[in-house]
Amino acid sequence: MPLLAVAALGPDRPGVVAALTRVLLAHAGNLEDASMHQLSGQFAMTLVVDVPASAEAVRSELEPVGRELELLISVREVAAQAPGQATDSYVVSVHGADRPGIVHRVAEAIAAAGGNITDLSTRLSGELYVLVAEVDLPGEPAALEQALTEIGADLGVDARLRPADPDLL
């Protein structure tokens, strides 16, 4: 069966997930991976679905749901993920005053260290900005730890790297 990536974005309201997954279930779809969030009143979802239907068939069934709920919907076929190189999982956390460039600087440091961000979320709580990223990193983390220390000093934030607890991921 093909794997499909389904993404939806639009105003958040009750029933969005139920409406979208109803269509996928009607096609005997099985959710393999899912991420759904409410961001400043907007619903954002990405799914990977194992489904015995084409991307075009699923897209055409989701279109009326998208129109009704004012959602932008994208459906495309994706290849099954091949095993990659061995990596260790880490969590990057940043806390401090909000300012432009935090996400970019952290993402740039992770990429320079050969790391891959597998999940990232940010929140602004009053004056406190919080970034948490799950990162797969090959090799030793020393270069990324040093880069985060420099970012913290430059931006006046607390930026840390710690091994991820596999029971929590």
N, C-alpha and C. Protein backbone atom coordinates (compact mmCIF):
# COMPACT_ATOMS: atom_id res chain seq x y z
N MET A 1 0.84 -1.18 0.00
CA MET A 1 0.00 0.00 0.00
C MET A 1 0.88 1.24 0.00
N PRO A 2 0.45 2.27 -0.71
CA PRO A 2 1.25 3.49 -0.70
C PRO A 2 1.14 4.24 0.63
N LEU A 3 2.20 4.93 0.95
CA LEU A 3 2.17 5.84 2.09
C LEU A 3 1.87 7.23 1.55
N LEU A 4 0.93 7.90 2.20
CA LEU A 4 0.58 9.25 1.79
C LEU A 4 0.87 10.22 2.92
N ALA A 5 1.41 11.37 2.57
CA ALA A 5 1.55 12.46 3.53
C ALA A 5 0.35 13.37 3.32
N VAL A 6 -0.38 13.63 4.39
CA VAL A 6 -1.55 14.50 4.35
C VAL A 6 -1.28 15.66 5.30
N ALA A 7 -1.40 16.88 4.80
CA ALA A 7 -1.20 18.07 5.62
C ALA A 7 -2.45 18.93 5.53
N ALA A 8 -2.82 19.53 6.67
CA ALA A 8 -3.98 20.42 6.70
C ALA A 8 -3.65 21.63 7.57
N LEU A 9 -4.13 22.79 7.15
CA LEU A 9 -3.91 24.03 7.88
C LEU A 9 -5.14 24.91 7.73
N GLY A 10 -5.60 25.45 8.86
CA GLY A 10 -6.75 26.35 8.81
C GLY A 10 -7.24 26.68 10.19
N PRO A 11 -8.38 27.37 10.26
CA PRO A 11 -8.91 27.76 11.57
C PRO A 11 -9.19 26.54 12.44
N ASP A 12 -8.81 26.63 13.70
CA ASP A 12 -9.07 25.53 14.62
C ASP A 12 -10.52 25.58 15.08
N ARG A 13 -11.13 24.41 15.17
CA ARG A 13 -12.50 24.28 15.68
C ARG A 13 -12.73 22.83 16.04
N PRO A 14 -13.71 22.56 16.89
CA PRO A 14 -14.01 21.18 17.24
C PRO A 14 -14.40 20.37 16.00
N GLY A 15 -13.93 19.13 15.95
CA GLY A 15 -14.32 18.21 14.89
C GLY A 15 -13.40 18.14 13.69
N VAL A 16 -12.36 18.97 13.64
CA VAL A 16 -11.47 18.96 12.48
C VAL A 16 -10.80 17.60 12.32
N VAL A 17 -10.22 17.08 13.39
CA VAL A 17 -9.52 15.80 13.31
C VAL A 17 -10.50 14.68 12.94
N ALA A 18 -11.67 14.69 13.54
CA ALA A 18 -12.67 13.66 13.24
C ALA A 18 -13.07 13.70 11.77
N ALA A 19 -13.29 14.89 11.22
CA ALA A 19 -13.71 15.02 9.82
C ALA A 19 -12.63 14.51 8.87
N LEU A 20 -11.39 14.86 9.14
CA LEU A 20 -10.29 14.44 8.26
C LEU A 20 -10.04 12.94 8.36
N THR A 21 -9.99 12.42 9.58
CA THR A 21 -9.70 10.99 9.73
C THR A 21 -10.86 10.12 9.28
N ARG A 22 -12.09 10.64 9.27
CA ARG A 22 -13.24 9.89 8.75
C ARG A 22 -12.99 9.51 7.29
N VAL A 23 -12.48 10.45 6.50
CA VAL A 23 -12.19 10.19 5.08
C VAL A 23 -11.09 9.14 4.96
N LEU A 24 -10.06 9.26 5.77
CA LEU A 24 -8.95 8.30 5.68
C LEU A 24 -9.40 6.91 6.09
N LEU A 25 -10.22 6.81 7.12
CA LEU A 25 -10.73 5.52 7.56
C LEU A 25 -11.63 4.90 6.50
N ALA A 26 -12.42 5.71 5.80
CA ALA A 26 -13.28 5.22 4.73
C ALA A 26 -12.46 4.56 3.62
N HIS A 27 -11.20 4.98 3.49
CA HIS A 27 -10.29 4.38 2.50
C HIS A 27 -9.42 3.29 3.13
N ALA A 28 -9.79 2.82 4.33
CA ALA A 28 -9.04 1.80 5.07
C ALA A 28 -7.63 2.28 5.41
N GLY A 29 -7.50 3.56 5.64
CA GLY A 29 -6.19 4.14 5.97
C GLY A 29 -5.81 3.88 7.42
N ASN A 30 -4.53 3.65 7.63
CA ASN A 30 -3.98 3.47 8.97
C ASN A 30 -2.94 4.56 9.21
N LEU A 31 -3.14 5.36 10.27
CA LEU A 31 -2.19 6.42 10.57
C LEU A 31 -0.89 5.82 11.09
N GLU A 32 0.21 6.09 10.41
CA GLU A 32 1.51 5.59 10.82
C GLU A 32 2.27 6.61 11.65
N ASP A 33 2.03 7.88 11.36
CA ASP A 33 2.73 8.95 12.06
C ASP A 33 1.82 10.17 12.02
N ALA A 34 1.75 10.91 13.11
CA ALA A 34 0.85 12.06 13.15
C ALA A 34 1.40 13.15 14.04
N SER A 35 1.17 14.38 13.62
CA SER A 35 1.51 15.54 14.44
C SER A 35 0.41 16.56 14.21
N MET A 36 -0.21 16.98 15.28
CA MET A 36 -1.29 17.96 15.19
C MET A 36 -1.09 19.01 16.28
N HIS A 37 -1.31 20.26 15.91
CA HIS A 37 -1.09 21.35 16.85
C HIS A 37 -2.09 22.47 16.60
N GLN A 38 -2.35 23.22 17.65
CA GLN A 38 -3.10 24.46 17.54
C GLN A 38 -2.09 25.58 17.73
N LEU A 39 -1.95 26.43 16.72
CA LEU A 39 -0.97 27.51 16.74
C LEU A 39 -1.70 28.83 16.57
N SER A 40 -1.80 29.59 17.65
CA SER A 40 -2.47 30.91 17.60
C SER A 40 -3.82 30.84 16.90
N GLY A 41 -4.62 29.85 17.27
CA GLY A 41 -5.95 29.71 16.70
C GLY A 41 -6.01 29.00 15.37
N GLN A 42 -4.86 28.58 14.85
CA GLN A 42 -4.82 27.84 13.60
C GLN A 42 -4.52 26.36 13.88
N PHE A 43 -5.23 25.50 13.17
CA PHE A 43 -5.01 24.06 13.28
C PHE A 43 -3.95 23.68 12.25
N ALA A 44 -2.96 22.91 12.68
CA ALA A 44 -1.92 22.43 11.77
C ALA A 44 -1.73 20.94 12.00
N MET A 45 -1.80 20.16 10.95
CA MET A 45 -1.70 18.71 11.07
C MET A 45 -0.87 18.15 9.91
N THR A 46 -0.05 17.18 10.23
CA THR A 46 0.65 16.40 9.21
C THR A 46 0.51 14.94 9.60
N LEU A 47 0.10 14.12 8.65
CA LEU A 47 -0.07 12.69 8.88
C LEU A 47 0.68 11.91 7.82
N VAL A 48 1.15 10.73 8.18
CA VAL A 48 1.60 9.75 7.20
C VAL A 48 0.64 8.58 7.35
N VAL A 49 -0.02 8.23 6.25
CA VAL A 49 -1.09 7.25 6.27
C VAL A 49 -0.76 6.11 5.32
N ASP A 50 -0.89 4.89 5.80
CA ASP A 50 -0.78 3.70 4.96
C ASP A 50 -2.19 3.43 4.45
N VAL A 51 -2.40 3.59 3.15
CA VAL A 51 -3.75 3.53 2.61
C VAL A 51 -3.76 2.88 1.23
N PRO A 52 -4.73 2.00 0.96
CA PRO A 52 -4.80 1.36 -0.36
C PRO A 52 -5.55 2.22 -1.37
N ALA A 53 -5.21 3.48 -1.45
CA ALA A 53 -5.84 4.40 -2.41
C ALA A 53 -4.77 5.37 -2.89
N SER A 54 -5.01 5.93 -4.04
CA SER A 54 -4.04 6.87 -4.61
C SER A 54 -4.14 8.22 -3.91
N ALA A 55 -3.08 8.99 -4.06
CA ALA A 55 -3.08 10.34 -3.51
C ALA A 55 -4.22 11.16 -4.13
N GLU A 56 -4.46 10.97 -5.41
CA GLU A 56 -5.52 11.71 -6.09
C GLU A 56 -6.89 11.37 -5.52
N ALA A 57 -7.14 10.08 -5.27
CA ALA A 57 -8.44 9.66 -4.72
C ALA A 57 -8.66 10.24 -3.33
N VAL A 58 -7.64 10.18 -2.49
CA VAL A 58 -7.76 10.71 -1.13
C VAL A 58 -7.92 12.22 -1.18
N ARG A 59 -7.15 12.88 -2.03
CA ARG A 59 -7.25 14.34 -2.15
C ARG A 59 -8.66 14.74 -2.57
N SER A 60 -9.24 14.05 -3.55
CA SER A 60 -10.58 14.43 -4.02
C SER A 60 -11.64 14.21 -2.94
N GLU A 61 -11.45 13.20 -2.09
CA GLU A 61 -12.39 12.97 -0.98
C GLU A 61 -12.21 14.00 0.13
N LEU A 62 -11.00 14.50 0.32
CA LEU A 62 -10.74 15.49 1.36
C LEU A 62 -11.12 16.91 0.93
N GLU A 63 -11.20 17.17 -0.37
CA GLU A 63 -11.49 18.53 -0.85
C GLU A 63 -12.78 19.12 -0.29
N PRO A 64 -13.91 18.38 -0.29
CA PRO A 64 -15.13 18.97 0.27
C PRO A 64 -15.01 19.27 1.78
N VAL A 65 -14.29 18.42 2.49
CA VAL A 65 -14.06 18.64 3.92
C VAL A 65 -13.23 19.91 4.09
N GLY A 66 -12.22 20.06 3.27
CA GLY A 66 -11.38 21.26 3.32
C GLY A 66 -12.17 22.52 3.04
N ARG A 67 -13.04 22.48 2.05
CA ARG A 67 -13.86 23.67 1.75
C ARG A 67 -14.79 23.99 2.91
N GLU A 68 -15.44 22.96 3.45
CA GLU A 68 -16.39 23.18 4.55
C GLU A 68 -15.72 23.76 5.79
N LEU A 69 -14.50 23.29 6.10
CA LEU A 69 -13.80 23.70 7.31
C LEU A 69 -12.75 24.79 7.05
N GLU A 70 -12.69 25.30 5.81
CA GLU A 70 -11.74 26.35 5.43
C GLU A 70 -10.30 25.93 5.65
N LEU A 71 -9.98 24.70 5.24
CA LEU A 71 -8.63 24.14 5.41
C LEU A 71 -7.89 24.09 4.09
N LEU A 72 -6.62 24.40 4.13
CA LEU A 72 -5.72 24.11 3.00
C LEU A 72 -5.26 22.68 3.21
N ILE A 73 -5.45 21.82 2.23
CA ILE A 73 -5.11 20.41 2.37
C ILE A 73 -4.17 20.00 1.24
N SER A 74 -3.14 19.27 1.61
CA SER A 74 -2.17 18.75 0.65
C SER A 74 -2.05 17.25 0.86
N VAL A 75 -2.01 16.50 -0.23
CA VAL A 75 -1.84 15.05 -0.17
C VAL A 75 -0.80 14.66 -1.20
N ARG A 76 0.19 13.88 -0.78
CA ARG A 76 1.17 13.41 -1.74
C ARG A 76 1.71 12.06 -1.30
N GLU A 77 2.14 11.28 -2.27
CA GLU A 77 2.73 9.98 -1.97
C GLU A 77 4.15 10.18 -1.46
N VAL A 78 4.53 9.37 -0.47
CA VAL A 78 5.89 9.42 0.07
C VAL A 78 6.47 8.02 0.08
N ALA A 79 7.77 7.95 -0.03
CA ALA A 79 8.46 6.67 0.00
C ALA A 79 8.62 6.21 1.44
N ALA A 80 8.60 4.91 1.64
CA ALA A 80 8.88 4.38 2.98
C ALA A 80 10.29 4.79 3.36
N GLN A 81 10.48 5.09 4.62
CA GLN A 81 11.78 5.58 5.08
C GLN A 81 12.78 4.44 5.15
N ALA A 82 13.90 4.65 4.47
CA ALA A 82 14.98 3.67 4.51
C ALA A 82 15.77 3.86 5.80
N PRO A 83 16.33 2.79 6.33
CA PRO A 83 17.14 2.95 7.54
C PRO A 83 18.30 3.90 7.27
N GLY A 84 18.51 4.82 8.19
CA GLY A 84 19.59 5.80 8.05
C GLY A 84 20.77 5.41 8.92
N GLN A 85 21.73 6.33 9.00
CA GLN A 85 22.89 6.08 9.84
C GLN A 85 22.47 6.14 11.31
N ALA A 86 23.25 5.50 12.14
CA ALA A 86 22.96 5.48 13.57
C ALA A 86 23.10 6.88 14.16
N THR A 87 22.13 7.27 14.95
CA THR A 87 22.17 8.57 15.60
C THR A 87 21.72 8.41 17.05
N ASP A 88 22.06 9.39 17.84
CA ASP A 88 21.57 9.46 19.22
C ASP A 88 20.57 10.59 19.29
N SER A 89 19.58 10.44 20.15
CA SER A 89 18.54 11.46 20.29
C SER A 89 18.85 12.39 21.45
N TYR A 90 18.64 13.67 21.21
CA TYR A 90 18.88 14.72 22.20
C TYR A 90 17.69 15.66 22.23
N VAL A 91 17.63 16.44 23.29
CA VAL A 91 16.65 17.51 23.41
C VAL A 91 17.40 18.82 23.57
N VAL A 92 17.07 19.78 22.73
CA VAL A 92 17.60 21.13 22.84
C VAL A 92 16.51 21.97 23.46
N SER A 93 16.86 22.72 24.49
CA SER A 93 15.88 23.63 25.10
C SER A 93 16.48 25.03 25.20
N VAL A 94 15.63 26.01 24.94
CA VAL A 94 16.03 27.41 25.02
C VAL A 94 14.95 28.13 25.81
N HIS A 95 15.37 28.91 26.81
CA HIS A 95 14.45 29.71 27.63
C HIS A 95 15.04 31.11 27.75
N GLY A 96 14.19 32.11 27.60
CA GLY A 96 14.67 33.47 27.79
C GLY A 96 13.73 34.48 27.17
N ALA A 97 14.21 35.69 27.08
CA ALA A 97 13.41 36.76 26.48
C ALA A 97 13.25 36.50 24.99
N ASP A 98 12.07 36.80 24.48
CA ASP A 98 11.80 36.61 23.06
C ASP A 98 12.57 37.64 22.25
N ARG A 99 13.11 37.19 21.12
CA ARG A 99 13.80 38.08 20.20
C ARG A 99 13.90 37.38 18.84
N PRO A 100 13.94 38.14 17.76
CA PRO A 100 14.06 37.53 16.43
C PRO A 100 15.36 36.73 16.31
N GLY A 101 15.30 35.63 15.60
CA GLY A 101 16.49 34.87 15.25
C GLY A 101 16.79 33.67 16.12
N ILE A 102 16.04 33.42 17.18
CA ILE A 102 16.36 32.29 18.06
C ILE A 102 16.22 30.97 17.30
N VAL A 103 15.08 30.76 16.65
CA VAL A 103 14.87 29.49 15.94
C VAL A 103 15.92 29.31 14.86
N HIS A 104 16.20 30.37 14.10
CA HIS A 104 17.19 30.26 13.04
C HIS A 104 18.56 29.89 13.59
N ARG A 105 19.01 30.58 14.61
CA ARG A 105 20.35 30.32 15.16
C ARG A 105 20.45 28.90 15.68
N VAL A 106 19.43 28.42 16.39
CA VAL A 106 19.46 27.06 16.93
C VAL A 106 19.42 26.04 15.78
N ALA A 107 18.54 26.23 14.82
CA ALA A 107 18.43 25.31 13.69
C ALA A 107 19.73 25.27 12.88
N GLU A 108 20.34 26.42 12.70
CA GLU A 108 21.61 26.51 11.97
C GLU A 108 22.72 25.74 12.71
N ALA A 109 22.75 25.86 14.04
CA ALA A 109 23.76 25.15 14.83
C ALA A 109 23.55 23.65 14.77
N ILE A 110 22.30 23.22 14.81
CA ILE A 110 21.99 21.79 14.73
C ILE A 110 22.41 21.24 13.38
N ALA A 111 22.08 21.96 12.31
CA ALA A 111 22.46 21.52 10.96
C ALA A 111 23.98 21.47 10.81
N ALA A 112 24.68 22.47 11.33
CA ALA A 112 26.14 22.50 11.23
C ALA A 112 26.77 21.31 11.95
N ALA A 113 26.11 20.82 12.99
CA ALA A 113 26.63 19.66 13.73
C ALA A 113 26.19 18.34 13.09
N GLY A 114 25.49 18.41 11.94
CA GLY A 114 25.04 17.20 11.25
C GLY A 114 23.75 16.64 11.84
N GLY A 115 23.11 17.43 12.69
CA GLY A 115 21.90 16.96 13.35
C GLY A 115 20.65 17.18 12.51
N ASN A 116 19.62 16.44 12.86
CA ASN A 116 18.33 16.53 12.19
C ASN A 116 17.26 16.81 13.23
N ILE A 117 16.51 17.89 13.06
CA ILE A 117 15.42 18.21 13.98
C ILE A 117 14.24 17.31 13.62
N THR A 118 13.79 16.51 14.59
CA THR A 118 12.66 15.62 14.36
C THR A 118 11.36 16.16 14.96
N ASP A 119 11.46 17.12 15.85
CA ASP A 119 10.29 17.78 16.41
C ASP A 119 10.74 19.11 17.00
N LEU A 120 9.93 20.14 16.83
CA LEU A 120 10.28 21.45 17.37
C LEU A 120 9.00 22.17 17.75
N SER A 121 8.99 22.74 18.92
CA SER A 121 7.86 23.57 19.33
C SER A 121 8.39 24.79 20.07
N THR A 122 7.64 25.87 19.95
CA THR A 122 7.98 27.10 20.67
C THR A 122 6.72 27.63 21.33
N ARG A 123 6.91 28.36 22.39
CA ARG A 123 5.81 29.01 23.10
C ARG A 123 6.31 30.34 23.64
N LEU A 124 5.41 31.30 23.65
CA LEU A 124 5.68 32.56 24.30
C LEU A 124 4.70 32.66 25.45
N SER A 125 5.24 32.70 26.65
CA SER A 125 4.43 32.79 27.87
C SER A 125 4.80 34.09 28.57
N GLY A 126 4.00 35.12 28.32
CA GLY A 126 4.35 36.44 28.84
C GLY A 126 5.63 36.91 28.18
N GLU A 127 6.64 37.15 28.98
CA GLU A 127 7.94 37.58 28.46
C GLU A 127 8.90 36.41 28.21
N LEU A 128 8.50 35.20 28.64
CA LEU A 128 9.38 34.03 28.52
C LEU A 128 9.14 33.30 27.21
N TYR A 129 10.20 33.16 26.42
CA TYR A 129 10.16 32.39 25.17
C TYR A 129 10.76 31.02 25.47
N VAL A 130 10.08 29.98 25.01
CA VAL A 130 10.54 28.61 25.23
C VAL A 130 10.59 27.89 23.90
N LEU A 131 11.72 27.27 23.60
CA LEU A 131 11.90 26.43 22.42
C LEU A 131 12.33 25.06 22.92
N VAL A 132 11.70 24.00 22.40
CA VAL A 132 12.11 22.64 22.69
C VAL A 132 12.19 21.90 21.36
N ALA A 133 13.33 21.29 21.09
CA ALA A 133 13.53 20.55 19.85
C ALA A 133 14.09 19.17 20.16
N GLU A 134 13.51 18.16 19.52
CA GLU A 134 14.09 16.83 19.56
C GLU A 134 15.01 16.73 18.35
N VAL A 135 16.21 16.21 18.59
CA VAL A 135 17.26 16.22 17.57
C VAL A 135 17.93 14.86 17.50
N ASP A 136 18.09 14.34 16.29
CA ASP A 136 18.93 13.16 16.08
C ASP A 136 20.30 13.67 15.66
N LEU A 137 21.33 13.20 16.35
CA LEU A 137 22.67 13.72 16.14
C LEU A 137 23.66 12.57 15.99
N PRO A 138 24.39 12.53 14.88
CA PRO A 138 25.43 11.50 14.73
C PRO A 138 26.68 11.93 15.49
N GLY A 139 27.34 10.99 16.08
CA GLY A 139 28.61 11.31 16.74
C GLY A 139 28.46 12.05 18.04
N GLU A 140 29.55 12.67 18.43
CA GLU A 140 29.63 13.36 19.71
C GLU A 140 28.90 14.71 19.68
N PRO A 141 28.27 15.09 20.78
CA PRO A 141 27.50 16.34 20.81
C PRO A 141 28.31 17.58 21.18
N ALA A 142 29.61 17.47 21.38
CA ALA A 142 30.42 18.58 21.89
C ALA A 142 30.30 19.84 21.04
N ALA A 143 30.34 19.72 19.73
CA ALA A 143 30.28 20.90 18.87
C ALA A 143 28.93 21.61 19.02
N LEU A 144 27.86 20.85 19.11
CA LEU A 144 26.55 21.47 19.28
C LEU A 144 26.42 22.09 20.66
N GLU A 145 26.94 21.44 21.67
CA GLU A 145 26.91 22.02 23.02
C GLU A 145 27.63 23.36 23.05
N GLN A 146 28.79 23.43 22.40
CA GLN A 146 29.56 24.68 22.34
C GLN A 146 28.78 25.75 21.59
N ALA A 147 28.18 25.38 20.47
CA ALA A 147 27.41 26.35 19.69
C ALA A 147 26.22 26.88 20.49
N LEU A 148 25.55 26.00 21.24
CA LEU A 148 24.42 26.45 22.05
C LEU A 148 24.86 27.38 23.18
N THR A 149 26.02 27.11 23.74
CA THR A 149 26.57 28.01 24.77
C THR A 149 26.81 29.40 24.18
N GLU A 150 27.37 29.45 22.98
CA GLU A 150 27.62 30.73 22.31
C GLU A 150 26.31 31.44 21.96
N ILE A 151 25.33 30.69 21.48
CA ILE A 151 24.02 31.28 21.16
C ILE A 151 23.39 31.86 22.42
N GLY A 152 23.46 31.12 23.50
CA GLY A 152 22.91 31.59 24.77
C GLY A 152 23.55 32.90 25.20
N ALA A 153 24.88 32.98 25.09
CA ALA A 153 25.58 34.21 25.47
C ALA A 153 25.24 35.36 24.53
N ASP A 154 25.18 35.09 23.23
CA ASP A 154 24.89 36.14 22.25
C ASP A 154 23.47 36.70 22.40
N LEU A 155 22.52 35.82 22.66
CA LEU A 155 21.11 36.23 22.68
C LEU A 155 20.56 36.44 24.09
N GLY A 156 21.36 36.16 25.10
CA GLY A 156 20.89 36.35 26.46
C GLY A 156 19.82 35.36 26.87
N VAL A 157 19.94 34.12 26.39
CA VAL A 157 18.99 33.06 26.72
C VAL A 157 19.74 31.87 27.29
N ASP A 158 19.01 30.97 27.92
CA ASP A 158 19.58 29.73 28.41
C ASP A 158 19.35 28.67 27.34
N ALA A 159 20.42 28.16 26.72
CA ALA A 159 20.32 27.17 25.66
C ALA A 159 21.09 25.93 26.08
N ARG A 160 20.38 24.80 26.13
CA ARG A 160 20.99 23.56 26.63
C ARG A 160 20.71 22.36 25.73
N LEU A 161 21.58 21.38 25.85
CA LEU A 161 21.44 20.10 25.16
C LEU A 161 21.52 19.01 26.18
N ARG A 162 20.58 18.05 26.11
CA ARG A 162 20.63 16.90 26.99
C ARG A 162 20.21 15.67 26.22
N PRO A 163 20.71 14.50 26.63
CA PRO A 163 20.25 13.26 25.98
C PRO A 163 18.75 13.09 26.17
N ALA A 164 18.08 12.61 25.14
CA ALA A 164 16.65 12.37 25.23
C ALA A 164 16.38 11.09 26.00
N ASP A 165 15.34 11.10 26.77
CA ASP A 165 14.89 9.91 27.47
C ASP A 165 13.99 9.13 26.49
N PRO A 166 14.44 7.96 26.00
CA PRO A 166 13.67 7.24 24.99
C PRO A 166 12.26 6.87 25.47
N ASP A 167 12.05 6.77 26.76
CA ASP A 167 10.72 6.45 27.27
C ASP A 167 9.76 7.62 27.11
N LEU A 168 10.31 8.83 26.94
CA LEU A 168 9.46 10.01 26.80
C LEU A 168 9.24 10.41 25.36
N LEU A 169 10.04 9.89 24.42
CA LEU A 169 9.86 10.22 23.01
C LEU A 169 8.87 9.28 22.44
